[in-house]
Amino acid sequence: MEMKPRIVGNVAILTIAGRLDANTVPPVQQWLEQATGVPGARVLVDLSETTFVDSTALATLVSALKRCQQVQGEFALCGLRRPVLMIFELTRLDKAFTIFVDVDHALAVLNA
């Protein structure tokens, strides 16, 4: 797993490449805790290069979503590949998260 954090406008973006599972999630969790703890945080997780997510990864993303909501921020996902999207659909988490097709669409909304 590889993490690529960056900031575009007022949105903190984290691109995750490879498998996001119990073994690889700790650095992602640490980054998300910092990014979502800021009042009014706008955080985007780009999963376009993510090949797999497990229950630990899902729990980490849900925690980040809740933390972001508590500080009146916005948290979104983008670029979900079909296998990853299917996991979100099976767990009905596709209803909980704001999911964009790609980074450009997400930024158009989050930076507005």
N, C-alpha and C. Protein backbone atom coordinates (compact mmCIF):
# COMPACT_ATOMS: atom_id res chain seq x y z
N MET A 1 0.85 -1.18 0.00
CA MET A 1 0.00 0.00 0.00
C MET A 1 0.89 1.24 0.00
N GLU A 2 0.47 2.21 -0.78
CA GLU A 2 1.20 3.47 -0.86
C GLU A 2 0.23 4.63 -0.66
N MET A 3 0.65 5.61 0.14
CA MET A 3 -0.16 6.80 0.41
C MET A 3 0.45 8.00 -0.30
N LYS A 4 -0.43 8.81 -0.92
CA LYS A 4 0.04 10.04 -1.56
C LYS A 4 -0.85 11.19 -1.10
N PRO A 5 -0.45 11.87 -0.01
CA PRO A 5 -1.25 13.01 0.46
C PRO A 5 -0.90 14.29 -0.30
N ARG A 6 -1.90 15.15 -0.48
CA ARG A 6 -1.67 16.48 -1.08
C ARG A 6 -2.84 17.38 -0.72
N ILE A 7 -2.65 18.66 -0.95
CA ILE A 7 -3.72 19.63 -0.69
C ILE A 7 -3.99 20.40 -1.97
N VAL A 8 -5.26 20.48 -2.35
CA VAL A 8 -5.67 21.25 -3.52
C VAL A 8 -6.73 22.22 -3.04
N GLY A 9 -6.43 23.52 -3.13
CA GLY A 9 -7.36 24.52 -2.60
C GLY A 9 -7.48 24.33 -1.10
N ASN A 10 -8.69 24.10 -0.63
CA ASN A 10 -8.89 23.89 0.80
C ASN A 10 -9.27 22.43 1.10
N VAL A 11 -8.91 21.52 0.19
CA VAL A 11 -9.25 20.11 0.35
C VAL A 11 -7.97 19.29 0.54
N ALA A 12 -7.95 18.51 1.64
CA ALA A 12 -6.86 17.57 1.87
C ALA A 12 -7.21 16.28 1.16
N ILE A 13 -6.33 15.84 0.27
CA ILE A 13 -6.59 14.64 -0.54
C ILE A 13 -5.57 13.56 -0.18
N LEU A 14 -6.08 12.35 0.00
CA LEU A 14 -5.21 11.20 0.23
C LEU A 14 -5.51 10.15 -0.83
N THR A 15 -4.52 9.89 -1.68
CA THR A 15 -4.64 8.82 -2.68
C THR A 15 -4.00 7.57 -2.08
N ILE A 16 -4.74 6.47 -2.16
CA ILE A 16 -4.26 5.21 -1.61
C ILE A 16 -4.12 4.21 -2.75
N ALA A 17 -2.92 3.66 -2.90
CA ALA A 17 -2.66 2.68 -3.95
C ALA A 17 -2.40 1.31 -3.33
N GLY A 18 -2.99 0.28 -3.94
CA GLY A 18 -2.78 -1.08 -3.46
C GLY A 18 -3.89 -1.54 -2.53
N ARG A 19 -3.56 -2.48 -1.66
CA ARG A 19 -4.53 -3.05 -0.72
C ARG A 19 -4.63 -2.20 0.54
N LEU A 20 -5.85 -1.93 0.96
CA LEU A 20 -6.08 -1.22 2.22
C LEU A 20 -6.75 -2.22 3.16
N ASP A 21 -5.94 -2.78 4.06
CA ASP A 21 -6.46 -3.80 4.96
C ASP A 21 -5.86 -3.64 6.35
N ALA A 22 -6.14 -4.59 7.23
CA ALA A 22 -5.70 -4.50 8.62
C ALA A 22 -4.18 -4.30 8.74
N ASN A 23 -3.42 -4.85 7.81
CA ASN A 23 -1.96 -4.73 7.87
C ASN A 23 -1.45 -3.37 7.40
N THR A 24 -2.18 -2.72 6.52
CA THR A 24 -1.69 -1.49 5.91
C THR A 24 -2.41 -0.22 6.39
N VAL A 25 -3.47 -0.38 7.18
CA VAL A 25 -4.31 0.76 7.51
C VAL A 25 -3.73 1.73 8.56
N PRO A 26 -2.81 1.34 9.47
CA PRO A 26 -2.37 2.29 10.51
C PRO A 26 -1.89 3.65 10.03
N PRO A 27 -1.01 3.76 8.99
CA PRO A 27 -0.61 5.11 8.56
C PRO A 27 -1.78 5.91 7.96
N VAL A 28 -2.69 5.22 7.30
CA VAL A 28 -3.87 5.89 6.74
C VAL A 28 -4.73 6.42 7.88
N GLN A 29 -4.92 5.61 8.90
CA GLN A 29 -5.72 6.01 10.06
C GLN A 29 -5.11 7.23 10.74
N GLN A 30 -3.79 7.23 10.89
CA GLN A 30 -3.10 8.35 11.52
C GLN A 30 -3.29 9.64 10.70
N TRP A 31 -3.13 9.55 9.38
CA TRP A 31 -3.30 10.72 8.52
C TRP A 31 -4.74 11.23 8.60
N LEU A 32 -5.71 10.31 8.56
CA LEU A 32 -7.12 10.71 8.60
C LEU A 32 -7.48 11.35 9.94
N GLU A 33 -6.92 10.86 11.04
CA GLU A 33 -7.19 11.46 12.35
C GLU A 33 -6.74 12.91 12.38
N GLN A 34 -5.57 13.19 11.81
CA GLN A 34 -5.08 14.57 11.78
C GLN A 34 -5.92 15.43 10.84
N ALA A 35 -6.20 14.91 9.66
CA ALA A 35 -6.91 15.69 8.63
C ALA A 35 -8.35 15.99 9.01
N THR A 36 -9.01 15.05 9.70
CA THR A 36 -10.43 15.23 10.01
C THR A 36 -10.67 15.88 11.36
N GLY A 37 -9.61 16.17 12.10
CA GLY A 37 -9.78 16.78 13.42
C GLY A 37 -9.86 18.30 13.38
N VAL A 38 -9.60 18.87 12.23
CA VAL A 38 -9.60 20.33 12.07
C VAL A 38 -11.02 20.83 11.84
N PRO A 39 -11.48 21.85 12.59
CA PRO A 39 -12.84 22.37 12.35
C PRO A 39 -13.04 22.78 10.89
N GLY A 40 -14.16 22.31 10.31
CA GLY A 40 -14.47 22.62 8.92
C GLY A 40 -13.62 21.88 7.91
N ALA A 41 -13.00 20.80 8.32
CA ALA A 41 -12.10 20.04 7.44
C ALA A 41 -12.83 19.57 6.18
N ARG A 42 -12.13 19.61 5.08
CA ARG A 42 -12.63 19.06 3.81
C ARG A 42 -11.61 18.00 3.39
N VAL A 43 -12.06 16.75 3.43
CA VAL A 43 -11.14 15.63 3.20
C VAL A 43 -11.69 14.75 2.08
N LEU A 44 -10.80 14.39 1.16
CA LEU A 44 -11.16 13.52 0.04
C LEU A 44 -10.19 12.34 0.02
N VAL A 45 -10.74 11.14 0.01
CA VAL A 45 -9.91 9.94 -0.11
C VAL A 45 -10.11 9.38 -1.52
N ASP A 46 -9.01 9.38 -2.27
CA ASP A 46 -9.03 8.91 -3.66
C ASP A 46 -8.67 7.42 -3.67
N LEU A 47 -9.65 6.60 -4.00
CA LEU A 47 -9.46 5.15 -4.02
C LEU A 47 -9.30 4.60 -5.44
N SER A 48 -8.96 5.45 -6.39
CA SER A 48 -8.85 5.02 -7.79
C SER A 48 -7.73 4.01 -8.01
N GLU A 49 -6.74 4.00 -7.12
CA GLU A 49 -5.63 3.06 -7.25
C GLU A 49 -5.70 1.96 -6.19
N THR A 50 -6.82 1.91 -5.45
CA THR A 50 -6.99 0.92 -4.39
C THR A 50 -7.62 -0.34 -4.98
N THR A 51 -7.00 -1.48 -4.72
CA THR A 51 -7.45 -2.73 -5.31
C THR A 51 -8.32 -3.56 -4.38
N PHE A 52 -8.25 -3.29 -3.06
CA PHE A 52 -8.98 -4.11 -2.09
C PHE A 52 -9.15 -3.33 -0.80
N VAL A 53 -10.31 -3.47 -0.15
CA VAL A 53 -10.52 -2.94 1.20
C VAL A 53 -11.14 -4.05 2.05
N ASP A 54 -10.74 -4.11 3.32
CA ASP A 54 -11.34 -5.09 4.22
C ASP A 54 -12.15 -4.35 5.29
N SER A 55 -12.67 -5.09 6.24
CA SER A 55 -13.54 -4.50 7.26
C SER A 55 -12.81 -3.48 8.12
N THR A 56 -11.52 -3.69 8.36
CA THR A 56 -10.73 -2.73 9.15
C THR A 56 -10.62 -1.41 8.39
N ALA A 57 -10.41 -1.49 7.09
CA ALA A 57 -10.33 -0.29 6.26
C ALA A 57 -11.66 0.44 6.25
N LEU A 58 -12.75 -0.30 6.12
CA LEU A 58 -14.08 0.31 6.13
C LEU A 58 -14.34 1.01 7.46
N ALA A 59 -13.98 0.36 8.56
CA ALA A 59 -14.17 0.95 9.89
C ALA A 59 -13.35 2.23 10.04
N THR A 60 -12.15 2.23 9.50
CA THR A 60 -11.30 3.42 9.55
C THR A 60 -11.93 4.58 8.79
N LEU A 61 -12.47 4.29 7.62
CA LEU A 61 -13.12 5.34 6.81
C LEU A 61 -14.39 5.85 7.48
N VAL A 62 -15.16 4.95 8.09
CA VAL A 62 -16.38 5.36 8.80
C VAL A 62 -16.02 6.26 9.98
N SER A 63 -14.99 5.90 10.73
CA SER A 63 -14.55 6.73 11.86
C SER A 63 -14.13 8.12 11.39
N ALA A 64 -13.42 8.17 10.27
CA ALA A 64 -12.99 9.47 9.72
C ALA A 64 -14.20 10.29 9.29
N LEU A 65 -15.19 9.65 8.69
CA LEU A 65 -16.42 10.33 8.29
C LEU A 65 -17.11 10.94 9.51
N LYS A 66 -17.26 10.15 10.55
CA LYS A 66 -17.92 10.64 11.77
C LYS A 66 -17.15 11.79 12.40
N ARG A 67 -15.82 11.65 12.48
CA ARG A 67 -14.99 12.70 13.07
C ARG A 67 -15.14 13.99 12.26
N CYS A 68 -15.16 13.87 10.95
CA CYS A 68 -15.29 15.03 10.08
C CYS A 68 -16.65 15.71 10.27
N GLN A 69 -17.69 14.91 10.41
CA GLN A 69 -19.03 15.45 10.65
C GLN A 69 -19.11 16.18 11.99
N GLN A 70 -18.38 15.69 12.98
CA GLN A 70 -18.40 16.32 14.31
C GLN A 70 -17.78 17.71 14.30
N VAL A 71 -16.88 17.98 13.36
CA VAL A 71 -16.26 19.30 13.27
C VAL A 71 -16.85 20.11 12.11
N GLN A 72 -18.08 19.73 11.71
CA GLN A 72 -18.79 20.40 10.62
C GLN A 72 -17.97 20.44 9.34
N GLY A 73 -17.27 19.35 9.07
CA GLY A 73 -16.47 19.26 7.86
C GLY A 73 -17.16 18.44 6.79
N GLU A 74 -16.44 18.20 5.71
CA GLU A 74 -16.96 17.37 4.62
C GLU A 74 -15.95 16.28 4.34
N PHE A 75 -16.46 15.06 4.16
CA PHE A 75 -15.61 13.90 3.91
C PHE A 75 -16.19 13.16 2.72
N ALA A 76 -15.35 12.87 1.74
CA ALA A 76 -15.84 12.20 0.54
C ALA A 76 -14.82 11.19 0.03
N LEU A 77 -15.32 10.28 -0.79
CA LEU A 77 -14.49 9.29 -1.45
C LEU A 77 -14.62 9.50 -2.96
N CYS A 78 -13.63 9.04 -3.71
CA CYS A 78 -13.75 9.11 -5.16
C CYS A 78 -12.96 7.99 -5.82
N GLY A 79 -13.32 7.74 -7.07
CA GLY A 79 -12.58 6.82 -7.91
C GLY A 79 -12.66 5.36 -7.54
N LEU A 80 -13.73 4.92 -6.93
CA LEU A 80 -13.83 3.53 -6.51
C LEU A 80 -13.90 2.59 -7.71
N ARG A 81 -12.96 1.65 -7.76
CA ARG A 81 -12.99 0.62 -8.80
C ARG A 81 -14.14 -0.32 -8.51
N ARG A 82 -14.56 -1.04 -9.51
CA ARG A 82 -15.72 -1.93 -9.37
C ARG A 82 -15.62 -2.89 -8.18
N PRO A 83 -14.51 -3.62 -7.97
CA PRO A 83 -14.46 -4.55 -6.83
C PRO A 83 -14.59 -3.84 -5.48
N VAL A 84 -13.99 -2.65 -5.38
CA VAL A 84 -14.06 -1.88 -4.13
C VAL A 84 -15.47 -1.32 -3.96
N LEU A 85 -16.03 -0.78 -5.03
CA LEU A 85 -17.40 -0.26 -4.97
C LEU A 85 -18.39 -1.34 -4.56
N MET A 86 -18.17 -2.56 -5.04
CA MET A 86 -19.07 -3.67 -4.68
C MET A 86 -19.06 -3.93 -3.17
N ILE A 87 -17.89 -3.79 -2.54
CA ILE A 87 -17.81 -3.97 -1.09
C ILE A 87 -18.61 -2.89 -0.37
N PHE A 88 -18.51 -1.66 -0.87
CA PHE A 88 -19.29 -0.56 -0.29
C PHE A 88 -20.79 -0.79 -0.48
N GLU A 89 -21.16 -1.30 -1.65
CA GLU A 89 -22.58 -1.56 -1.92
C GLU A 89 -23.10 -2.71 -1.06
N LEU A 90 -22.33 -3.78 -0.92
CA LEU A 90 -22.76 -4.92 -0.12
C LEU A 90 -22.96 -4.55 1.35
N THR A 91 -22.12 -3.63 1.85
CA THR A 91 -22.22 -3.20 3.25
C THR A 91 -23.14 -1.97 3.40
N ARG A 92 -23.69 -1.53 2.29
CA ARG A 92 -24.55 -0.35 2.22
C ARG A 92 -23.84 0.95 2.63
N LEU A 93 -22.53 0.92 2.66
CA LEU A 93 -21.78 2.12 3.00
C LEU A 93 -21.76 3.12 1.84
N ASP A 94 -22.17 2.67 0.66
CA ASP A 94 -22.28 3.60 -0.46
C ASP A 94 -23.36 4.65 -0.18
N LYS A 95 -24.28 4.34 0.74
CA LYS A 95 -25.32 5.29 1.14
C LYS A 95 -24.82 6.27 2.20
N ALA A 96 -23.81 5.87 2.97
CA ALA A 96 -23.30 6.70 4.06
C ALA A 96 -22.29 7.75 3.57
N PHE A 97 -21.52 7.38 2.56
CA PHE A 97 -20.47 8.26 2.07
C PHE A 97 -20.92 9.03 0.84
N THR A 98 -20.35 10.22 0.68
CA THR A 98 -20.48 10.95 -0.57
C THR A 98 -19.38 10.39 -1.46
N ILE A 99 -19.78 9.84 -2.62
CA ILE A 99 -18.82 9.20 -3.51
C ILE A 99 -18.86 9.89 -4.88
N PHE A 100 -17.69 10.34 -5.31
CA PHE A 100 -17.56 11.00 -6.61
C PHE A 100 -16.86 10.08 -7.60
N VAL A 101 -17.07 10.34 -8.89
CA VAL A 101 -16.46 9.53 -9.94
C VAL A 101 -14.94 9.67 -9.91
N ASP A 102 -14.46 10.91 -9.79
CA ASP A 102 -13.02 11.13 -9.77
C ASP A 102 -12.67 12.39 -8.98
N VAL A 103 -11.40 12.67 -8.87
CA VAL A 103 -10.92 13.81 -8.08
C VAL A 103 -11.47 15.13 -8.62
N ASP A 104 -11.48 15.29 -9.95
CA ASP A 104 -11.94 16.55 -10.54
C ASP A 104 -13.39 16.87 -10.15
N HIS A 105 -14.26 15.86 -10.23
CA HIS A 105 -15.67 16.08 -9.84
C HIS A 105 -15.77 16.41 -8.36
N ALA A 106 -15.01 15.71 -7.54
CA ALA A 106 -15.05 15.96 -6.09
C ALA A 106 -14.58 17.37 -5.77
N LEU A 107 -13.48 17.79 -6.39
CA LEU A 107 -12.95 19.13 -6.12
C LEU A 107 -13.91 20.22 -6.57
N ALA A 108 -14.61 19.99 -7.66
CA ALA A 108 -15.57 20.97 -8.16
C ALA A 108 -16.64 21.24 -7.11
N VAL A 109 -17.01 20.21 -6.35
CA VAL A 109 -18.04 20.36 -5.32
C VAL A 109 -17.42 20.82 -4.00
N LEU A 110 -16.35 20.19 -3.56
CA LEU A 110 -15.75 20.48 -2.25
C LEU A 110 -15.09 21.85 -2.19
N ASN A 111 -14.55 22.34 -3.30
CA ASN A 111 -13.91 23.65 -3.31
C ASN A 111 -14.89 24.78 -3.64
N ALA A 112 -16.15 24.43 -3.89
CA ALA A 112 -17.15 25.45 -4.26
C ALA A 112 -17.49 26.34 -3.09
